[in-house]
Amino acid sequence: MPEEPTRKRVVAFFDGQNLYHSAREAFGIRFPDFDPICLANRLCSQHPDWETPIVRFYTGVPQPSDNQRWHSFWSNKLAQLKRNGAYVYSRPLKYSNQSIILADGSQSTTLIGREKGIDVRVAIDMVRMARLGELDVALIFSQDQDLSEVADEIRQISQTDNRWIKIACAYPISPTRTHTRGINNTDWISFDRTLYNQCIDSRDYR
């Protein structure tokens, strides 16, 4: 059985789009107004043996030709995160037409932006840092079940190298939110609106 370290090095991995949509569903936010560094610090402070986390933030960003407003928002927010000490990784969102059924039964076509490769990048970095022994706790701010396979891989690394490693999943909850499950094979850490409100970014990047 691997020996549990007294002080645990934490790396927080944020899927920015996944967290935004989860918080919008849970709390009704209108844009990504959260401060990732604050959120990671608040959750880690609930565990006395967890050190101040390293924050890694990943998101898709629209091209200026697709959506200038959101391109500017994310570019400004990511630049500030870098200045505050976070690692930032972004990729262009890919847009395609999608048909939707309206309330009156008619069909409409709208342009939908989708992330490509963000979850893969998160997975690669998590596994790499676990193999190199650069973390004791991987704290994932996402509910993407595709990352459950990463949790299995990191658990295998822990067994092979005889090292203690925890994989935890952090996500928002509210009385009205139906999606209340974290990523399979991880420890689930939910947070409510009270904690979220403590970590609203006072800057408006819109």
N, C-alpha and C. Protein backbone atom coordinates (compact mmCIF):
# COMPACT_ATOMS: atom_id res chain seq x y z
N MET A 1 0.85 -1.19 0.00
CA MET A 1 0.00 0.00 0.00
C MET A 1 0.88 1.24 0.00
N PRO A 2 0.75 2.14 -0.99
CA PRO A 2 1.60 3.33 -1.03
C PRO A 2 1.41 4.19 0.22
N GLU A 3 2.50 4.79 0.67
CA GLU A 3 2.44 5.64 1.86
C GLU A 3 1.84 7.00 1.49
N GLU A 4 0.85 7.44 2.26
CA GLU A 4 0.21 8.72 2.00
C GLU A 4 1.09 9.86 2.47
N PRO A 5 1.39 10.83 1.61
CA PRO A 5 2.24 11.95 2.02
C PRO A 5 1.54 12.85 3.04
N THR A 6 2.33 13.43 3.93
CA THR A 6 1.77 14.32 4.94
C THR A 6 1.24 15.59 4.30
N ARG A 7 2.01 16.16 3.40
CA ARG A 7 1.59 17.34 2.63
C ARG A 7 1.42 16.93 1.18
N LYS A 8 0.30 17.32 0.61
CA LYS A 8 -0.05 16.83 -0.72
C LYS A 8 0.00 17.96 -1.74
N ARG A 9 0.79 17.75 -2.80
CA ARG A 9 0.88 18.71 -3.90
C ARG A 9 -0.35 18.56 -4.79
N VAL A 10 -1.01 19.68 -5.04
CA VAL A 10 -2.27 19.67 -5.79
C VAL A 10 -2.09 20.40 -7.11
N VAL A 11 -2.59 19.80 -8.19
CA VAL A 11 -2.69 20.48 -9.47
C VAL A 11 -4.17 20.49 -9.85
N ALA A 12 -4.71 21.70 -10.07
CA ALA A 12 -6.11 21.86 -10.46
C ALA A 12 -6.20 22.01 -11.97
N PHE A 13 -6.98 21.14 -12.60
CA PHE A 13 -7.17 21.13 -14.05
C PHE A 13 -8.59 21.62 -14.35
N PHE A 14 -8.70 22.78 -15.02
CA PHE A 14 -10.00 23.36 -15.34
C PHE A 14 -10.33 23.16 -16.81
N ASP A 15 -11.48 22.55 -17.09
CA ASP A 15 -12.07 22.60 -18.43
C ASP A 15 -13.01 23.80 -18.40
N GLY A 16 -12.57 24.94 -18.93
CA GLY A 16 -13.28 26.19 -18.77
C GLY A 16 -14.70 26.16 -19.31
N GLN A 17 -14.90 25.58 -20.50
CA GLN A 17 -16.23 25.54 -21.09
C GLN A 17 -17.15 24.61 -20.30
N ASN A 18 -16.63 23.48 -19.86
CA ASN A 18 -17.43 22.54 -19.09
C ASN A 18 -17.88 23.17 -17.77
N LEU A 19 -16.97 23.85 -17.09
CA LEU A 19 -17.33 24.50 -15.84
C LEU A 19 -18.33 25.62 -16.07
N TYR A 20 -18.14 26.40 -17.12
CA TYR A 20 -19.07 27.50 -17.42
C TYR A 20 -20.49 26.98 -17.62
N HIS A 21 -20.65 25.94 -18.44
CA HIS A 21 -21.99 25.42 -18.70
C HIS A 21 -22.59 24.77 -17.46
N SER A 22 -21.76 24.13 -16.65
CA SER A 22 -22.26 23.55 -15.40
C SER A 22 -22.74 24.63 -14.44
N ALA A 23 -21.95 25.71 -14.32
CA ALA A 23 -22.32 26.80 -13.42
C ALA A 23 -23.54 27.55 -13.94
N ARG A 24 -23.66 27.65 -15.25
CA ARG A 24 -24.85 28.30 -15.82
C ARG A 24 -26.11 27.51 -15.50
N GLU A 25 -26.02 26.18 -15.59
CA GLU A 25 -27.16 25.34 -15.26
C GLU A 25 -27.48 25.39 -13.76
N ALA A 26 -26.43 25.39 -12.93
CA ALA A 26 -26.63 25.34 -11.48
C ALA A 26 -27.04 26.69 -10.90
N PHE A 27 -26.41 27.77 -11.37
CA PHE A 27 -26.56 29.06 -10.71
C PHE A 27 -27.17 30.15 -11.60
N GLY A 28 -27.38 29.85 -12.87
CA GLY A 28 -27.98 30.83 -13.76
C GLY A 28 -27.05 31.96 -14.18
N ILE A 29 -25.73 31.73 -14.15
CA ILE A 29 -24.80 32.78 -14.55
C ILE A 29 -24.94 33.05 -16.04
N ARG A 30 -24.63 34.29 -16.46
CA ARG A 30 -24.83 34.69 -17.85
C ARG A 30 -23.54 34.65 -18.67
N PHE A 31 -22.41 34.61 -18.00
CA PHE A 31 -21.11 34.50 -18.68
C PHE A 31 -20.12 33.93 -17.68
N PRO A 32 -18.94 33.48 -18.12
CA PRO A 32 -17.98 32.85 -17.21
C PRO A 32 -17.34 33.87 -16.27
N ASP A 33 -18.02 34.15 -15.15
CA ASP A 33 -17.56 35.18 -14.23
C ASP A 33 -16.73 34.62 -13.08
N PHE A 34 -16.35 33.36 -13.15
CA PHE A 34 -15.61 32.73 -12.05
C PHE A 34 -14.11 33.01 -12.14
N ASP A 35 -13.46 32.99 -10.97
CA ASP A 35 -12.01 33.11 -10.86
C ASP A 35 -11.47 31.72 -10.56
N PRO A 36 -10.86 31.04 -11.54
CA PRO A 36 -10.40 29.66 -11.32
C PRO A 36 -9.39 29.52 -10.18
N ILE A 37 -8.49 30.48 -10.05
CA ILE A 37 -7.47 30.39 -9.00
C ILE A 37 -8.13 30.45 -7.63
N CYS A 38 -9.11 31.34 -7.47
CA CYS A 38 -9.84 31.44 -6.22
C CYS A 38 -10.60 30.15 -5.93
N LEU A 39 -11.30 29.60 -6.93
CA LEU A 39 -12.05 28.37 -6.73
C LEU A 39 -11.14 27.23 -6.27
N ALA A 40 -10.01 27.08 -6.94
CA ALA A 40 -9.07 26.02 -6.56
C ALA A 40 -8.56 26.22 -5.15
N ASN A 41 -8.21 27.46 -4.81
CA ASN A 41 -7.69 27.73 -3.47
C ASN A 41 -8.74 27.47 -2.40
N ARG A 42 -9.99 27.88 -2.66
CA ARG A 42 -11.07 27.70 -1.68
C ARG A 42 -11.30 26.22 -1.40
N LEU A 43 -11.36 25.42 -2.46
CA LEU A 43 -11.62 24.00 -2.26
C LEU A 43 -10.45 23.31 -1.58
N CYS A 44 -9.24 23.70 -1.94
CA CYS A 44 -8.07 23.09 -1.31
C CYS A 44 -7.96 23.47 0.16
N SER A 45 -8.42 24.67 0.51
CA SER A 45 -8.34 25.11 1.91
C SER A 45 -9.24 24.27 2.82
N GLN A 46 -10.19 23.53 2.23
CA GLN A 46 -11.04 22.65 3.02
C GLN A 46 -10.32 21.37 3.43
N HIS A 47 -9.12 21.18 2.88
CA HIS A 47 -8.31 20.00 3.20
C HIS A 47 -6.97 20.48 3.79
N PRO A 48 -6.81 20.41 5.09
CA PRO A 48 -5.62 20.98 5.74
C PRO A 48 -4.29 20.43 5.22
N ASP A 49 -4.30 19.22 4.68
CA ASP A 49 -3.05 18.62 4.21
C ASP A 49 -2.80 18.86 2.72
N TRP A 50 -3.68 19.64 2.06
CA TRP A 50 -3.47 19.98 0.65
C TRP A 50 -2.74 21.30 0.53
N GLU A 51 -1.69 21.34 -0.25
CA GLU A 51 -0.94 22.57 -0.45
C GLU A 51 -1.66 23.51 -1.43
N THR A 52 -1.20 24.74 -1.50
CA THR A 52 -1.76 25.69 -2.46
C THR A 52 -1.62 25.12 -3.87
N PRO A 53 -2.70 25.06 -4.61
CA PRO A 53 -2.67 24.35 -5.89
C PRO A 53 -1.98 25.11 -7.02
N ILE A 54 -1.40 24.34 -7.92
CA ILE A 54 -1.01 24.86 -9.23
C ILE A 54 -2.27 24.82 -10.10
N VAL A 55 -2.56 25.89 -10.83
CA VAL A 55 -3.79 25.97 -11.61
C VAL A 55 -3.47 25.90 -13.10
N ARG A 56 -4.15 25.00 -13.78
CA ARG A 56 -4.01 24.83 -15.22
C ARG A 56 -5.41 24.97 -15.84
N PHE A 57 -5.55 25.92 -16.77
CA PHE A 57 -6.86 26.27 -17.31
C PHE A 57 -6.88 26.01 -18.82
N TYR A 58 -7.90 25.28 -19.26
CA TYR A 58 -8.02 24.86 -20.66
C TYR A 58 -9.39 25.30 -21.19
N THR A 59 -9.42 25.85 -22.39
CA THR A 59 -10.70 26.23 -22.97
C THR A 59 -10.63 26.39 -24.48
N GLY A 60 -11.78 26.21 -25.11
CA GLY A 60 -11.91 26.57 -26.52
C GLY A 60 -12.24 28.05 -26.63
N VAL A 61 -11.75 28.68 -27.68
CA VAL A 61 -11.96 30.12 -27.89
C VAL A 61 -12.43 30.34 -29.33
N PRO A 62 -13.52 31.08 -29.54
CA PRO A 62 -13.97 31.35 -30.91
C PRO A 62 -12.94 32.17 -31.69
N GLN A 63 -12.87 31.96 -32.96
CA GLN A 63 -12.08 32.81 -33.83
C GLN A 63 -12.77 34.17 -33.95
N PRO A 64 -12.02 35.25 -34.15
CA PRO A 64 -12.65 36.57 -34.30
C PRO A 64 -13.71 36.59 -35.41
N SER A 65 -13.47 35.86 -36.48
CA SER A 65 -14.43 35.85 -37.59
C SER A 65 -15.73 35.13 -37.24
N ASP A 66 -15.68 34.26 -36.22
CA ASP A 66 -16.88 33.53 -35.80
C ASP A 66 -17.67 34.30 -34.74
N ASN A 67 -16.97 34.87 -33.78
CA ASN A 67 -17.64 35.61 -32.70
C ASN A 67 -16.63 36.53 -32.05
N GLN A 68 -16.59 37.77 -32.49
CA GLN A 68 -15.60 38.72 -31.99
C GLN A 68 -15.78 38.98 -30.50
N ARG A 69 -17.02 39.06 -30.04
CA ARG A 69 -17.29 39.37 -28.63
C ARG A 69 -16.71 38.32 -27.71
N TRP A 70 -16.99 37.04 -27.99
CA TRP A 70 -16.49 35.98 -27.12
C TRP A 70 -14.99 35.75 -27.32
N HIS A 71 -14.49 36.00 -28.52
CA HIS A 71 -13.05 35.92 -28.73
C HIS A 71 -12.32 36.93 -27.84
N SER A 72 -12.82 38.15 -27.80
CA SER A 72 -12.20 39.19 -26.97
C SER A 72 -12.32 38.83 -25.49
N PHE A 73 -13.50 38.34 -25.09
CA PHE A 73 -13.70 37.98 -23.69
C PHE A 73 -12.66 36.96 -23.24
N TRP A 74 -12.58 35.85 -23.96
CA TRP A 74 -11.68 34.78 -23.53
C TRP A 74 -10.21 35.19 -23.67
N SER A 75 -9.87 35.93 -24.69
CA SER A 75 -8.49 36.39 -24.84
C SER A 75 -8.07 37.25 -23.66
N ASN A 76 -8.96 38.16 -23.24
CA ASN A 76 -8.65 39.03 -22.10
C ASN A 76 -8.60 38.24 -20.79
N LYS A 77 -9.53 37.32 -20.61
CA LYS A 77 -9.56 36.53 -19.38
C LYS A 77 -8.34 35.63 -19.27
N LEU A 78 -7.96 34.99 -20.37
CA LEU A 78 -6.80 34.11 -20.35
C LEU A 78 -5.51 34.89 -20.11
N ALA A 79 -5.42 36.08 -20.69
CA ALA A 79 -4.23 36.90 -20.46
C ALA A 79 -4.10 37.26 -18.98
N GLN A 80 -5.22 37.58 -18.33
CA GLN A 80 -5.19 37.91 -16.91
C GLN A 80 -4.83 36.68 -16.07
N LEU A 81 -5.35 35.53 -16.45
CA LEU A 81 -4.99 34.31 -15.72
C LEU A 81 -3.50 34.02 -15.80
N LYS A 82 -2.92 34.24 -16.97
CA LYS A 82 -1.47 34.07 -17.11
C LYS A 82 -0.73 35.01 -16.18
N ARG A 83 -1.16 36.28 -16.15
CA ARG A 83 -0.50 37.25 -15.27
C ARG A 83 -0.63 36.85 -13.80
N ASN A 84 -1.71 36.16 -13.48
CA ASN A 84 -1.92 35.74 -12.09
C ASN A 84 -1.23 34.43 -11.75
N GLY A 85 -0.54 33.84 -12.73
CA GLY A 85 0.28 32.67 -12.44
C GLY A 85 -0.28 31.34 -12.89
N ALA A 86 -1.41 31.33 -13.58
CA ALA A 86 -1.99 30.08 -14.06
C ALA A 86 -1.37 29.67 -15.39
N TYR A 87 -1.32 28.37 -15.64
CA TYR A 87 -0.98 27.85 -16.95
C TYR A 87 -2.25 27.89 -17.79
N VAL A 88 -2.15 28.32 -19.03
CA VAL A 88 -3.32 28.47 -19.90
C VAL A 88 -3.10 27.73 -21.21
N TYR A 89 -4.12 26.99 -21.63
CA TYR A 89 -4.09 26.31 -22.92
C TYR A 89 -5.42 26.56 -23.61
N SER A 90 -5.38 26.97 -24.88
CA SER A 90 -6.62 27.22 -25.62
C SER A 90 -6.50 26.68 -27.03
N ARG A 91 -7.67 26.38 -27.60
CA ARG A 91 -7.77 25.97 -29.00
C ARG A 91 -8.99 26.63 -29.60
N PRO A 92 -9.00 26.87 -30.91
CA PRO A 92 -10.18 27.46 -31.54
C PRO A 92 -11.39 26.54 -31.44
N LEU A 93 -12.55 27.11 -31.17
CA LEU A 93 -13.79 26.36 -31.24
C LEU A 93 -14.11 26.06 -32.71
N LYS A 94 -14.69 24.90 -32.95
CA LYS A 94 -15.12 24.51 -34.29
C LYS A 94 -16.63 24.69 -34.40
N TYR A 95 -17.08 25.40 -35.44
CA TYR A 95 -18.50 25.71 -35.58
C TYR A 95 -19.12 24.87 -36.70
N SER A 96 -20.36 24.45 -36.44
CA SER A 96 -21.11 23.72 -37.46
C SER A 96 -22.60 24.01 -37.27
N ASN A 97 -23.38 23.85 -38.33
CA ASN A 97 -24.82 24.06 -38.26
C ASN A 97 -25.49 22.89 -37.56
N GLN A 98 -26.44 23.21 -36.68
CA GLN A 98 -27.17 22.16 -35.96
C GLN A 98 -28.66 22.50 -35.99
N SER A 99 -29.47 21.51 -36.30
CA SER A 99 -30.91 21.70 -36.33
C SER A 99 -31.49 21.53 -34.93
N ILE A 100 -32.40 22.42 -34.54
CA ILE A 100 -33.06 22.34 -33.25
C ILE A 100 -34.57 22.44 -33.46
N ILE A 101 -35.33 21.82 -32.57
CA ILE A 101 -36.79 21.85 -32.64
C ILE A 101 -37.28 22.94 -31.69
N LEU A 102 -38.03 23.89 -32.22
CA LEU A 102 -38.54 24.99 -31.41
C LEU A 102 -39.80 24.56 -30.66
N ALA A 103 -40.25 25.44 -29.73
CA ALA A 103 -41.40 25.12 -28.88
C ALA A 103 -42.67 24.87 -29.69
N ASP A 104 -42.78 25.53 -30.84
CA ASP A 104 -43.99 25.36 -31.65
C ASP A 104 -43.91 24.16 -32.59
N GLY A 105 -42.82 23.38 -32.47
CA GLY A 105 -42.66 22.19 -33.29
C GLY A 105 -41.91 22.42 -34.58
N SER A 106 -41.66 23.67 -34.93
CA SER A 106 -40.90 23.96 -36.15
C SER A 106 -39.41 23.71 -35.93
N GLN A 107 -38.69 23.65 -37.02
CA GLN A 107 -37.26 23.36 -36.96
C GLN A 107 -36.46 24.58 -37.39
N SER A 108 -35.37 24.82 -36.68
CA SER A 108 -34.50 25.94 -37.00
C SER A 108 -33.06 25.45 -37.02
N THR A 109 -32.23 26.14 -37.78
CA THR A 109 -30.82 25.79 -37.86
C THR A 109 -30.00 26.91 -37.24
N THR A 110 -29.09 26.53 -36.35
CA THR A 110 -28.25 27.53 -35.69
C THR A 110 -26.80 27.07 -35.70
N LEU A 111 -25.89 28.01 -35.58
CA LEU A 111 -24.46 27.71 -35.60
C LEU A 111 -24.01 27.41 -34.18
N ILE A 112 -23.43 26.22 -33.97
CA ILE A 112 -23.02 25.78 -32.64
C ILE A 112 -21.50 25.60 -32.61
N GLY A 113 -20.87 26.18 -31.58
CA GLY A 113 -19.44 26.01 -31.41
C GLY A 113 -19.13 24.83 -30.50
N ARG A 114 -18.16 24.01 -30.89
CA ARG A 114 -17.80 22.84 -30.10
C ARG A 114 -16.29 22.80 -29.87
N GLU A 115 -15.92 22.33 -28.69
CA GLU A 115 -14.50 22.16 -28.39
C GLU A 115 -13.98 20.89 -29.07
N LYS A 116 -12.77 20.97 -29.57
CA LYS A 116 -12.11 19.80 -30.13
C LYS A 116 -10.72 19.70 -29.50
N GLY A 117 -10.49 18.62 -28.79
CA GLY A 117 -9.14 18.36 -28.30
C GLY A 117 -8.83 18.87 -26.90
N ILE A 118 -9.75 19.60 -26.26
CA ILE A 118 -9.47 20.11 -24.92
C ILE A 118 -9.38 18.96 -23.92
N ASP A 119 -10.36 18.05 -23.95
CA ASP A 119 -10.32 16.94 -23.00
C ASP A 119 -9.10 16.05 -23.23
N VAL A 120 -8.69 15.93 -24.49
CA VAL A 120 -7.49 15.14 -24.79
C VAL A 120 -6.25 15.80 -24.19
N ARG A 121 -6.15 17.13 -24.31
CA ARG A 121 -5.01 17.85 -23.76
C ARG A 121 -4.98 17.74 -22.23
N VAL A 122 -6.16 17.87 -21.61
CA VAL A 122 -6.23 17.71 -20.16
C VAL A 122 -5.75 16.32 -19.76
N ALA A 123 -6.23 15.31 -20.47
CA ALA A 123 -5.87 13.93 -20.16
C ALA A 123 -4.37 13.70 -20.29
N ILE A 124 -3.78 14.19 -21.39
CA ILE A 124 -2.34 14.01 -21.61
C ILE A 124 -1.54 14.66 -20.49
N ASP A 125 -1.92 15.88 -20.12
CA ASP A 125 -1.16 16.59 -19.09
C ASP A 125 -1.31 15.94 -17.73
N MET A 126 -2.51 15.45 -17.40
CA MET A 126 -2.71 14.76 -16.13
C MET A 126 -1.85 13.52 -16.02
N VAL A 127 -1.87 12.70 -17.07
CA VAL A 127 -1.10 11.46 -17.05
C VAL A 127 0.40 11.76 -17.01
N ARG A 128 0.82 12.76 -17.80
CA ARG A 128 2.25 13.11 -17.82
C ARG A 128 2.72 13.56 -16.44
N MET A 129 1.97 14.43 -15.79
CA MET A 129 2.38 14.94 -14.48
C MET A 129 2.35 13.84 -13.42
N ALA A 130 1.40 12.91 -13.56
CA ALA A 130 1.36 11.78 -12.62
C ALA A 130 2.58 10.88 -12.82
N ARG A 131 2.94 10.60 -14.07
CA ARG A 131 4.10 9.74 -14.34
C ARG A 131 5.40 10.37 -13.85
N LEU A 132 5.49 11.69 -13.98
CA LEU A 132 6.71 12.39 -13.57
C LEU A 132 6.75 12.67 -12.07
N GLY A 133 5.71 12.29 -11.37
CA GLY A 133 5.67 12.51 -9.93
C GLY A 133 5.52 13.96 -9.54
N GLU A 134 4.79 14.74 -10.36
CA GLU A 134 4.66 16.18 -10.12
C GLU A 134 3.40 16.56 -9.36
N LEU A 135 2.62 15.57 -8.96
CA LEU A 135 1.40 15.86 -8.20
C LEU A 135 1.07 14.70 -7.28
N ASP A 136 0.35 15.01 -6.22
CA ASP A 136 -0.23 13.99 -5.35
C ASP A 136 -1.75 13.96 -5.48
N VAL A 137 -2.33 15.13 -5.80
CA VAL A 137 -3.78 15.23 -6.00
C VAL A 137 -4.03 15.91 -7.34
N ALA A 138 -4.78 15.23 -8.21
CA ALA A 138 -5.26 15.84 -9.45
C ALA A 138 -6.71 16.26 -9.21
N LEU A 139 -6.95 17.57 -9.18
CA LEU A 139 -8.27 18.11 -8.90
C LEU A 139 -8.87 18.61 -10.22
N ILE A 140 -9.90 17.93 -10.72
CA ILE A 140 -10.45 18.21 -12.03
C ILE A 140 -11.75 19.00 -11.91
N PHE A 141 -11.80 20.18 -12.51
CA PHE A 141 -13.03 20.96 -12.56
C PHE A 141 -13.72 20.67 -13.88
N SER A 142 -14.42 19.56 -13.92
CA SER A 142 -15.13 19.10 -15.11
C SER A 142 -16.00 17.92 -14.72
N GLN A 143 -17.07 17.69 -15.49
CA GLN A 143 -17.88 16.50 -15.31
C GLN A 143 -17.89 15.65 -16.58
N ASP A 144 -16.86 15.81 -17.38
CA ASP A 144 -16.74 15.07 -18.63
C ASP A 144 -16.36 13.62 -18.32
N GLN A 145 -17.30 12.71 -18.57
CA GLN A 145 -17.06 11.30 -18.23
C GLN A 145 -15.95 10.67 -19.08
N ASP A 146 -15.56 11.32 -20.17
CA ASP A 146 -14.43 10.80 -20.94
C ASP A 146 -13.17 10.74 -20.10
N LEU A 147 -13.09 11.57 -19.07
CA LEU A 147 -11.90 11.61 -18.22
C LEU A 147 -11.86 10.48 -17.20
N SER A 148 -12.90 9.66 -17.15
CA SER A 148 -12.88 8.52 -16.21
C SER A 148 -11.77 7.53 -16.58
N GLU A 149 -11.46 7.43 -17.87
CA GLU A 149 -10.38 6.54 -18.29
C GLU A 149 -9.03 7.07 -17.82
N VAL A 150 -8.91 8.40 -17.74
CA VAL A 150 -7.69 9.00 -17.23
C VAL A 150 -7.52 8.65 -15.76
N ALA A 151 -8.62 8.68 -15.01
CA ALA A 151 -8.57 8.32 -13.60
C ALA A 151 -8.08 6.88 -13.44
N ASP A 152 -8.55 6.00 -14.30
CA ASP A 152 -8.09 4.61 -14.24
C ASP A 152 -6.59 4.51 -14.53
N GLU A 153 -6.12 5.28 -15.52
CA GLU A 153 -4.70 5.26 -15.88
C GLU A 153 -3.83 5.78 -14.73
N ILE A 154 -4.27 6.85 -14.10
CA ILE A 154 -3.49 7.41 -12.99
C ILE A 154 -3.48 6.45 -11.80
N ARG A 155 -4.58 5.77 -11.58
CA ARG A 155 -4.61 4.77 -10.51
C ARG A 155 -3.62 3.64 -10.80
N GLN A 156 -3.49 3.28 -12.07
CA GLN A 156 -2.52 2.25 -12.45
C GLN A 156 -1.09 2.74 -12.22
N ILE A 157 -0.84 4.01 -12.54
CA ILE A 157 0.48 4.59 -12.28
C ILE A 157 0.80 4.54 -10.79
N SER A 158 -0.20 4.86 -9.97
CA SER A 158 -0.02 4.82 -8.52
C SER A 158 0.39 3.43 -8.06
N GLN A 159 -0.26 2.40 -8.60
CA GLN A 159 0.04 1.03 -8.20
C GLN A 159 1.41 0.59 -8.71
N THR A 160 1.70 0.92 -9.97
CA THR A 160 2.97 0.49 -10.57
C THR A 160 4.16 1.14 -9.88
N ASP A 161 4.05 2.44 -9.59
CA ASP A 161 5.15 3.19 -8.98
C ASP A 161 5.12 3.18 -7.46
N ASN A 162 4.09 2.53 -6.90
CA ASN A 162 3.92 2.49 -5.44
C ASN A 162 3.93 3.90 -4.86
N ARG A 163 3.12 4.77 -5.49
CA ARG A 163 2.99 6.16 -5.02
C ARG A 163 1.52 6.47 -4.75
N TRP A 164 1.27 7.26 -3.72
CA TRP A 164 -0.09 7.67 -3.36
C TRP A 164 -0.52 8.81 -4.27
N ILE A 165 -1.62 8.62 -5.00
CA ILE A 165 -2.16 9.67 -5.86
C ILE A 165 -3.68 9.66 -5.72
N LYS A 166 -4.27 10.82 -5.55
CA LYS A 166 -5.72 10.97 -5.48
C LYS A 166 -6.20 11.72 -6.72
N ILE A 167 -7.36 11.29 -7.26
CA ILE A 167 -8.01 12.00 -8.35
C ILE A 167 -9.37 12.45 -7.85
N ALA A 168 -9.60 13.77 -7.85
CA ALA A 168 -10.85 14.33 -7.34
C ALA A 168 -11.52 15.16 -8.43
N CYS A 169 -12.84 15.20 -8.40
CA CYS A 169 -13.63 15.94 -9.37
C CYS A 169 -14.46 16.98 -8.65
N ALA A 170 -14.31 18.26 -9.04
CA ALA A 170 -15.05 19.36 -8.42
C ALA A 170 -16.09 19.90 -9.40
N TYR A 171 -17.30 20.17 -8.91
CA TYR A 171 -18.36 20.63 -9.79
C TYR A 171 -19.45 21.34 -8.98
N PRO A 172 -20.21 22.23 -9.62
CA PRO A 172 -21.26 22.98 -8.92
C PRO A 172 -22.54 22.18 -8.75
N ILE A 173 -23.22 22.44 -7.64
CA ILE A 173 -24.53 21.83 -7.40
C ILE A 173 -25.52 22.91 -6.96
N SER A 174 -26.79 22.64 -7.17
CA SER A 174 -27.86 23.51 -6.69
C SER A 174 -29.12 22.66 -6.56
N PRO A 175 -30.13 23.16 -5.83
CA PRO A 175 -31.36 22.37 -5.66
C PRO A 175 -32.05 22.04 -6.98
N THR A 176 -31.84 22.85 -8.00
CA THR A 176 -32.54 22.64 -9.26
C THR A 176 -31.71 21.89 -10.30
N ARG A 177 -30.45 21.66 -10.02
CA ARG A 177 -29.59 21.02 -11.03
C ARG A 177 -29.77 19.51 -11.02
N THR A 178 -29.95 18.93 -12.19
CA THR A 178 -30.18 17.50 -12.29
C THR A 178 -28.89 16.70 -12.44
N HIS A 179 -27.85 17.34 -12.98
CA HIS A 179 -26.58 16.64 -13.20
C HIS A 179 -25.75 16.74 -11.93
N THR A 180 -25.85 15.74 -11.07
CA THR A 180 -25.22 15.80 -9.75
C THR A 180 -24.10 14.77 -9.58
N ARG A 181 -23.66 14.18 -10.67
CA ARG A 181 -22.59 13.18 -10.59
C ARG A 181 -21.26 13.76 -11.06
N GLY A 182 -20.22 13.40 -10.35
CA GLY A 182 -18.88 13.73 -10.79
C GLY A 182 -18.38 12.68 -11.77
N ILE A 183 -17.13 12.80 -12.15
CA ILE A 183 -16.52 11.83 -13.06
C ILE A 183 -16.36 10.49 -12.36
N ASN A 184 -16.73 9.43 -13.04
CA ASN A 184 -16.60 8.09 -12.46
C ASN A 184 -15.16 7.80 -12.05
N ASN A 185 -15.02 7.04 -10.98
CA ASN A 185 -13.71 6.59 -10.49
C ASN A 185 -12.86 7.72 -9.91
N THR A 186 -13.52 8.82 -9.52
CA THR A 186 -12.82 9.91 -8.84
C THR A 186 -13.57 10.21 -7.54
N ASP A 187 -12.90 10.96 -6.64
CA ASP A 187 -13.59 11.46 -5.46
C ASP A 187 -14.37 12.71 -5.85
N TRP A 188 -15.64 12.79 -5.48
CA TRP A 188 -16.48 13.90 -5.87
C TRP A 188 -16.46 15.00 -4.81
N ILE A 189 -16.23 16.24 -5.25
CA ILE A 189 -16.24 17.41 -4.37
C ILE A 189 -17.19 18.44 -4.99
N SER A 190 -18.37 18.56 -4.45
CA SER A 190 -19.33 19.53 -4.98
C SER A 190 -19.19 20.86 -4.24
N PHE A 191 -19.58 21.94 -4.91
CA PHE A 191 -19.58 23.25 -4.26
C PHE A 191 -20.87 23.98 -4.64
N ASP A 192 -21.35 24.81 -3.69
CA ASP A 192 -22.62 25.48 -3.88
C ASP A 192 -22.45 26.94 -4.29
N ARG A 193 -23.56 27.63 -4.40
CA ARG A 193 -23.55 29.03 -4.85
C ARG A 193 -22.80 29.93 -3.86
N THR A 194 -22.87 29.62 -2.58
CA THR A 194 -22.18 30.44 -1.59
C THR A 194 -20.68 30.47 -1.86
N LEU A 195 -20.09 29.29 -2.07
CA LEU A 195 -18.65 29.25 -2.36
C LEU A 195 -18.36 29.90 -3.71
N TYR A 196 -19.21 29.62 -4.69
CA TYR A 196 -19.00 30.19 -6.03
C TYR A 196 -18.98 31.71 -5.95
N ASN A 197 -19.91 32.29 -5.19
CA ASN A 197 -19.99 33.75 -5.09
C ASN A 197 -18.75 34.36 -4.47
N GLN A 198 -18.04 33.58 -3.67
CA GLN A 198 -16.80 34.07 -3.07
C GLN A 198 -15.67 34.15 -4.08
N CYS A 199 -15.89 33.55 -5.25
CA CYS A 199 -14.83 33.47 -6.26
C CYS A 199 -15.25 34.08 -7.59
N ILE A 200 -16.13 35.07 -7.55
CA ILE A 200 -16.48 35.77 -8.77
C ILE A 200 -15.39 36.78 -9.11
N ASP A 201 -14.95 36.76 -10.34
CA ASP A 201 -13.92 37.67 -10.82
C ASP A 201 -14.53 39.06 -10.97
N SER A 202 -13.95 40.04 -10.28
CA SER A 202 -14.51 41.40 -10.32
C SER A 202 -14.28 42.09 -11.66
N ARG A 203 -13.37 41.56 -12.48
CA ARG A 203 -13.13 42.15 -13.79
C ARG A 203 -14.19 41.69 -14.79
N ASP A 204 -14.61 42.57 -15.63
CA ASP A 204 -15.57 42.24 -16.69
C ASP A 204 -14.81 42.30 -18.02
N TYR A 205 -14.61 41.12 -18.61
CA TYR A 205 -13.79 41.04 -19.82
C TYR A 205 -14.63 41.16 -21.09
N ARG A 206 -15.94 41.43 -20.96
CA ARG A 206 -16.81 41.42 -22.13
C ARG A 206 -16.54 42.64 -23.01
